[in-house]
Amino acid sequence: MPFVNIKVAGTLTKEQKAEIAREVTALLERIANKPPEATSVVIEEVSRENWAKAGVLLADR
């Protein structure tokens, strides 16, 4: 039972999230032979003020 947790900086539209969920599910079905009904996908939107890279907040880049 695959569980995929995707974190993104900022926000996505509902349509973008739906497409990501479909594509990740299809990828696991195609490559790992996992049935779609066994795959769970969670998409977490993280504020750019709460995400840093190389010691700098993304909001400050």
PDB file of N, CA and C in Angstrom:
ATOM      1  N   MET A   1       0.836  -1.183   0.000  1.00  0.00           N
ATOM      2  CA  MET A   1       0.000   0.000   0.000  1.00  0.00           C
ATOM      3  C   MET A   1       0.881   1.246   0.000  1.00  0.00           C
ATOM      4  N   PRO A   2       1.136   1.830  -1.153  1.00  0.00           N
ATOM      5  CA  PRO A   2       1.973   3.025  -1.225  1.00  0.00           C
ATOM      6  C   PRO A   2       1.307   4.232  -0.572  1.00  0.00           C
ATOM      7  N   PHE A   3       2.111   4.977   0.161  1.00  0.00           N
ATOM      8  CA  PHE A   3       1.691   6.246   0.735  1.00  0.00           C
ATOM      9  C   PHE A   3       2.710   7.275   0.288  1.00  0.00           C
ATOM     10  N   VAL A   4       2.267   8.282  -0.448  1.00  0.00           N
ATOM     11  CA  VAL A   4       3.158   9.297  -0.992  1.00  0.00           C
ATOM     12  C   VAL A   4       2.796  10.629  -0.355  1.00  0.00           C
ATOM     13  N   ASN A   5       3.792  11.281   0.247  1.00  0.00           N
ATOM     14  CA  ASN A   5       3.591  12.589   0.871  1.00  0.00           C
ATOM     15  C   ASN A   5       4.420  13.602   0.095  1.00  0.00           C
ATOM     16  N   ILE A   6       3.748  14.557  -0.527  1.00  0.00           N
ATOM     17  CA  ILE A   6       4.410  15.571  -1.338  1.00  0.00           C
ATOM     18  C   ILE A   6       4.262  16.912  -0.635  1.00  0.00           C
ATOM     19  N   LYS A   7       5.378  17.586  -0.420  1.00  0.00           N
ATOM     20  CA  LYS A   7       5.352  18.919   0.175  1.00  0.00           C
ATOM     21  C   LYS A   7       5.770  19.917  -0.888  1.00  0.00           C
ATOM     22  N   VAL A   8       5.005  20.988  -1.006  1.00  0.00           N
ATOM     23  CA  VAL A   8       5.324  22.031  -1.972  1.00  0.00           C
ATOM     24  C   VAL A   8       5.367  23.376  -1.251  1.00  0.00           C
ATOM     25  N   ALA A   9       6.263  24.230  -1.700  1.00  0.00           N
ATOM     26  CA  ALA A   9       6.326  25.585  -1.169  1.00  0.00           C
ATOM     27  C   ALA A   9       5.262  26.410  -1.876  1.00  0.00           C
ATOM     28  N   GLY A  10       4.425  27.064  -1.104  1.00  0.00           N
ATOM     29  CA  GLY A  10       3.363  27.872  -1.696  1.00  0.00           C
ATOM     30  C   GLY A  10       2.101  27.055  -1.889  1.00  0.00           C
ATOM     31  N   THR A  11       1.243  27.535  -2.775  1.00  0.00           N
ATOM     32  CA  THR A  11      -0.054  26.899  -2.975  1.00  0.00           C
ATOM     33  C   THR A  11      -0.218  26.404  -4.404  1.00  0.00           C
ATOM     34  N   LEU A  12      -1.081  25.423  -4.539  1.00  0.00           N
ATOM     35  CA  LEU A  12      -1.456  24.872  -5.838  1.00  0.00           C
ATOM     36  C   LEU A  12      -2.959  25.000  -5.998  1.00  0.00           C
ATOM     37  N   THR A  13      -3.420  24.979  -7.234  1.00  0.00           N
ATOM     38  CA  THR A  13      -4.862  24.975  -7.466  1.00  0.00           C
ATOM     39  C   THR A  13      -5.395  23.567  -7.216  1.00  0.00           C
ATOM     40  N   LYS A  14      -6.696  23.466  -7.050  1.00  0.00           N
ATOM     41  CA  LYS A  14      -7.326  22.154  -6.887  1.00  0.00           C
ATOM     42  C   LYS A  14      -7.036  21.288  -8.105  1.00  0.00           C
ATOM     43  N   GLU A  15      -7.055  21.883  -9.287  1.00  0.00           N
ATOM     44  CA  GLU A  15      -6.799  21.151 -10.524  1.00  0.00           C
ATOM     45  C   GLU A  15      -5.365  20.619 -10.559  1.00  0.00           C
ATOM     46  N   GLN A  16      -4.409  21.425 -10.114  1.00  0.00           N
ATOM     47  CA  GLN A  16      -3.016  20.971 -10.068  1.00  0.00           C
ATOM     48  C   GLN A  16      -2.856  19.792  -9.115  1.00  0.00           C
ATOM     49  N   LYS A  17      -3.490  19.883  -7.953  1.00  0.00           N
ATOM     50  CA  LYS A  17      -3.402  18.794  -6.971  1.00  0.00           C
ATOM     51  C   LYS A  17      -4.035  17.518  -7.516  1.00  0.00           C
ATOM     52  N   ALA A  18      -5.156  17.649  -8.193  1.00  0.00           N
ATOM     53  CA  ALA A  18      -5.820  16.474  -8.769  1.00  0.00           C
ATOM     54  C   ALA A  18      -4.930  15.822  -9.825  1.00  0.00           C
ATOM     55  N   GLU A  19      -4.280  16.637 -10.650  1.00  0.00           N
ATOM     56  CA  GLU A  19      -3.402  16.087 -11.686  1.00  0.00           C
ATOM     57  C   GLU A  19      -2.181  15.400 -11.069  1.00  0.00           C
ATOM     58  N   ILE A  20      -1.603  16.005 -10.050  1.00  0.00           N
ATOM     59  CA  ILE A  20      -0.466  15.385  -9.360  1.00  0.00           C
ATOM     60  C   ILE A  20      -0.882  14.042  -8.785  1.00  0.00           C
ATOM     61  N   ALA A  21      -2.034  13.989  -8.119  1.00  0.00           N
ATOM     62  CA  ALA A  21      -2.515  12.732  -7.532  1.00  0.00           C
ATOM     63  C   ALA A  21      -2.721  11.665  -8.609  1.00  0.00           C
ATOM     64  N   ARG A  22      -3.320  12.047  -9.732  1.00  0.00           N
ATOM     65  CA  ARG A  22      -3.538  11.092 -10.833  1.00  0.00           C
ATOM     66  C   ARG A  22      -2.224  10.583 -11.390  1.00  0.00           C
ATOM     67  N   GLU A  23      -1.297  11.489 -11.637  1.00  0.00           N
ATOM     68  CA  GLU A  23      -0.024  11.115 -12.260  1.00  0.00           C
ATOM     69  C   GLU A  23       0.835  10.252 -11.333  1.00  0.00           C
ATOM     70  N   VAL A  24       0.886  10.581 -10.055  1.00  0.00           N
ATOM     71  CA  VAL A  24       1.669   9.780  -9.100  1.00  0.00           C
ATOM     72  C   VAL A  24       1.059   8.387  -8.981  1.00  0.00           C
ATOM     73  N   THR A  25      -0.257   8.323  -8.912  1.00  0.00           N
ATOM     74  CA  THR A  25      -0.937   7.029  -8.829  1.00  0.00           C
ATOM     75  C   THR A  25      -0.666   6.195 -10.074  1.00  0.00           C
ATOM     76  N   ALA A  26      -0.743   6.811 -11.243  1.00  0.00           N
ATOM     77  CA  ALA A  26      -0.479   6.097 -12.503  1.00  0.00           C
ATOM     78  C   ALA A  26       0.972   5.638 -12.579  1.00  0.00           C
ATOM     79  N   LEU A  27       1.890   6.451 -12.098  1.00  0.00           N
ATOM     80  CA  LEU A  27       3.307   6.092 -12.089  1.00  0.00           C
ATOM     81  C   LEU A  27       3.560   4.851 -11.241  1.00  0.00           C
ATOM     82  N   LEU A  28       2.973   4.809 -10.055  1.00  0.00           N
ATOM     83  CA  LEU A  28       3.143   3.640  -9.186  1.00  0.00           C
ATOM     84  C   LEU A  28       2.480   2.406  -9.779  1.00  0.00           C
ATOM     85  N   GLU A  29       1.381   2.602 -10.473  1.00  0.00           N
ATOM     86  CA  GLU A  29       0.730   1.460 -11.124  1.00  0.00           C
ATOM     87  C   GLU A  29       1.625   0.927 -12.251  1.00  0.00           C
ATOM     88  N   ARG A  30       2.163   1.837 -13.064  1.00  0.00           N
ATOM     89  CA  ARG A  30       2.964   1.438 -14.215  1.00  0.00           C
ATOM     90  C   ARG A  30       4.313   0.832 -13.814  1.00  0.00           C
ATOM     91  N   ILE A  31       5.004   1.450 -12.882  1.00  0.00           N
ATOM     92  CA  ILE A  31       6.361   1.018 -12.561  1.00  0.00           C
ATOM     93  C   ILE A  31       6.396  -0.042 -11.461  1.00  0.00           C
ATOM     94  N   ALA A  32       5.555   0.104 -10.431  1.00  0.00           N
ATOM     95  CA  ALA A  32       5.616  -0.801  -9.279  1.00  0.00           C
ATOM     96  C   ALA A  32       4.479  -1.821  -9.259  1.00  0.00           C
ATOM     97  N   ASN A  33       3.623  -1.790 -10.289  1.00  0.00           N
ATOM     98  CA  ASN A  33       2.482  -2.708 -10.373  1.00  0.00           C
ATOM     99  C   ASN A  33       1.551  -2.615  -9.169  1.00  0.00           C
ATOM    100  N   LYS A  34       1.385  -1.392  -8.646  1.00  0.00           N
ATOM    101  CA  LYS A  34       0.487  -1.177  -7.511  1.00  0.00           C
ATOM    102  C   LYS A  34      -0.883  -0.768  -8.036  1.00  0.00           C
ATOM    103  N   PRO A  35      -1.957  -1.415  -7.568  1.00  0.00           N
ATOM    104  CA  PRO A  35      -3.284  -1.030  -8.027  1.00  0.00           C
ATOM    105  C   PRO A  35      -3.633   0.373  -7.534  1.00  0.00           C
ATOM    106  N   PRO A  36      -4.293   1.163  -8.361  1.00  0.00           N
ATOM    107  CA  PRO A  36      -4.627   2.538  -7.985  1.00  0.00           C
ATOM    108  C   PRO A  36      -5.362   2.639  -6.650  1.00  0.00           C
ATOM    109  N   GLU A  37      -6.241   1.690  -6.371  1.00  0.00           N
ATOM    110  CA  GLU A  37      -7.011   1.772  -5.126  1.00  0.00           C
ATOM    111  C   GLU A  37      -6.154   1.557  -3.879  1.00  0.00           C
ATOM    112  N   ALA A  38      -4.913   1.118  -4.053  1.00  0.00           N
ATOM    113  CA  ALA A  38      -4.016   0.898  -2.914  1.00  0.00           C
ATOM    114  C   ALA A  38      -3.146   2.123  -2.624  1.00  0.00           C
ATOM    115  N   THR A  39      -3.137   3.094  -3.529  1.00  0.00           N
ATOM    116  CA  THR A  39      -2.232   4.239  -3.402  1.00  0.00           C
ATOM    117  C   THR A  39      -2.915   5.433  -2.764  1.00  0.00           C
ATOM    118  N   SER A  40      -2.244   5.994  -1.746  1.00  0.00           N
ATOM    119  CA  SER A  40      -2.699   7.235  -1.105  1.00  0.00           C
ATOM    120  C   SER A  40      -1.671   8.318  -1.388  1.00  0.00           C
ATOM    121  N   VAL A  41      -2.164   9.510  -1.707  1.00  0.00           N
ATOM    122  CA  VAL A  41      -1.295  10.656  -1.974  1.00  0.00           C
ATOM    123  C   VAL A  41      -1.758  11.811  -1.091  1.00  0.00           C
ATOM    124  N   VAL A  42      -0.809  12.396  -0.355  1.00  0.00           N
ATOM    125  CA  VAL A  42      -1.090  13.578   0.457  1.00  0.00           C
ATOM    126  C   VAL A  42      -0.229  14.708  -0.081  1.00  0.00           C
ATOM    127  N   ILE A  43      -0.853  15.851  -0.312  1.00  0.00           N
ATOM    128  CA  ILE A  43      -0.132  17.022  -0.794  1.00  0.00           C
ATOM    129  C   ILE A  43      -0.209  18.086   0.294  1.00  0.00           C
ATOM    130  N   GLU A  44       0.949  18.479   0.789  1.00  0.00           N
ATOM    131  CA  GLU A  44       1.017  19.489   1.841  1.00  0.00           C
ATOM    132  C   GLU A  44       1.568  20.781   1.263  1.00  0.00           C
ATOM    133  N   GLU A  45       0.830  21.853   1.444  1.00  0.00           N
ATOM    134  CA  GLU A  45       1.275  23.168   1.001  1.00  0.00           C
ATOM    135  C   GLU A  45       1.923  23.875   2.194  1.00  0.00           C
ATOM    136  N   VAL A  46       3.165  24.271   2.021  1.00  0.00           N
ATOM    137  CA  VAL A  46       3.920  24.904   3.089  1.00  0.00           C
ATOM    138  C   VAL A  46       4.155  26.366   2.714  1.00  0.00           C
ATOM    139  N   SER A  47       3.840  27.241   3.626  1.00  0.00           N
ATOM    140  CA  SER A  47       4.077  28.659   3.390  1.00  0.00           C
ATOM    141  C   SER A  47       5.550  28.886   3.082  1.00  0.00           C
ATOM    142  N   ARG A  48       5.820  29.769   2.143  1.00  0.00           N
ATOM    143  CA  ARG A  48       7.210  30.078   1.790  1.00  0.00           C
ATOM    144  C   ARG A  48       7.943  30.711   2.965  1.00  0.00           C
ATOM    145  N   GLU A  49       7.196  31.233   3.938  1.00  0.00           N
ATOM    146  CA  GLU A  49       7.809  31.768   5.157  1.00  0.00           C
ATOM    147  C   GLU A  49       8.251  30.657   6.098  1.00  0.00           C
ATOM    148  N   ASN A  50       7.781  29.436   5.865  1.00  0.00           N
ATOM    149  CA  ASN A  50       8.115  28.294   6.718  1.00  0.00           C
ATOM    150  C   ASN A  50       9.048  27.306   6.032  1.00  0.00           C
ATOM    151  N   TRP A  51       9.662  27.713   4.927  1.00  0.00           N
ATOM    152  CA  TRP A  51      10.538  26.816   4.163  1.00  0.00           C
ATOM    153  C   TRP A  51      11.816  27.581   3.845  1.00  0.00           C
ATOM    154  N   ALA A  52      12.938  26.977   4.182  1.00  0.00           N
ATOM    155  CA  ALA A  52      14.221  27.614   3.901  1.00  0.00           C
ATOM    156  C   ALA A  52      15.090  26.685   3.061  1.00  0.00           C
ATOM    157  N   LYS A  53      15.911  27.274   2.242  1.00  0.00           N
ATOM    158  CA  LYS A  53      16.897  26.528   1.451  1.00  0.00           C
ATOM    159  C   LYS A  53      18.209  27.287   1.555  1.00  0.00           C
ATOM    160  N   ALA A  54      19.266  26.562   1.848  1.00  0.00           N
ATOM    161  CA  ALA A  54      20.588  27.163   2.019  1.00  0.00           C
ATOM    162  C   ALA A  54      20.567  28.259   3.087  1.00  0.00           C
ATOM    163  N   GLY A  55      19.724  28.065   4.107  1.00  0.00           N
ATOM    164  CA  GLY A  55      19.683  29.004   5.223  1.00  0.00           C
ATOM    165  C   GLY A  55      18.876  30.261   4.978  1.00  0.00           C
ATOM    166  N   VAL A  56      18.179  30.334   3.841  1.00  0.00           N
ATOM    167  CA  VAL A  56      17.396  31.521   3.515  1.00  0.00           C
ATOM    168  C   VAL A  56      15.944  31.116   3.287  1.00  0.00           C
ATOM    169  N   LEU A  57      15.028  31.833   3.952  1.00  0.00           N
ATOM    170  CA  LEU A  57      13.609  31.558   3.735  1.00  0.00           C
ATOM    171  C   LEU A  57      13.251  31.802   2.275  1.00  0.00           C
ATOM    172  N   LEU A  58      12.408  30.936   1.731  1.00  0.00           N
ATOM    173  CA  LEU A  58      12.001  31.108   0.340  1.00  0.00           C
ATOM    174  C   LEU A  58      11.282  32.443   0.151  1.00  0.00           C
ATOM    175  N   ALA A  59      10.587  32.901   1.183  1.00  0.00           N
ATOM    176  CA  ALA A  59       9.877  34.172   1.098  1.00  0.00           C
ATOM    177  C   ALA A  59      10.837  35.346   0.920  1.00  0.00           C
ATOM    178  N   ASP A  60      12.100  35.155   1.317  1.00  0.00           N
ATOM    179  CA  ASP A  60      13.095  36.223   1.213  1.00  0.00           C
ATOM    180  C   ASP A  60      13.957  36.118  -0.042  1.00  0.00           C
ATOM    181  N   ARG A  61      13.690  35.149  -0.875  1.00  0.00           N
ATOM    182  CA  ARG A  61      14.491  34.986  -2.096  1.00  0.00           C
ATOM    183  C   ARG A  61      13.975  35.851  -3.202  1.00  0.00           C
TER     184      ARG A  61
END
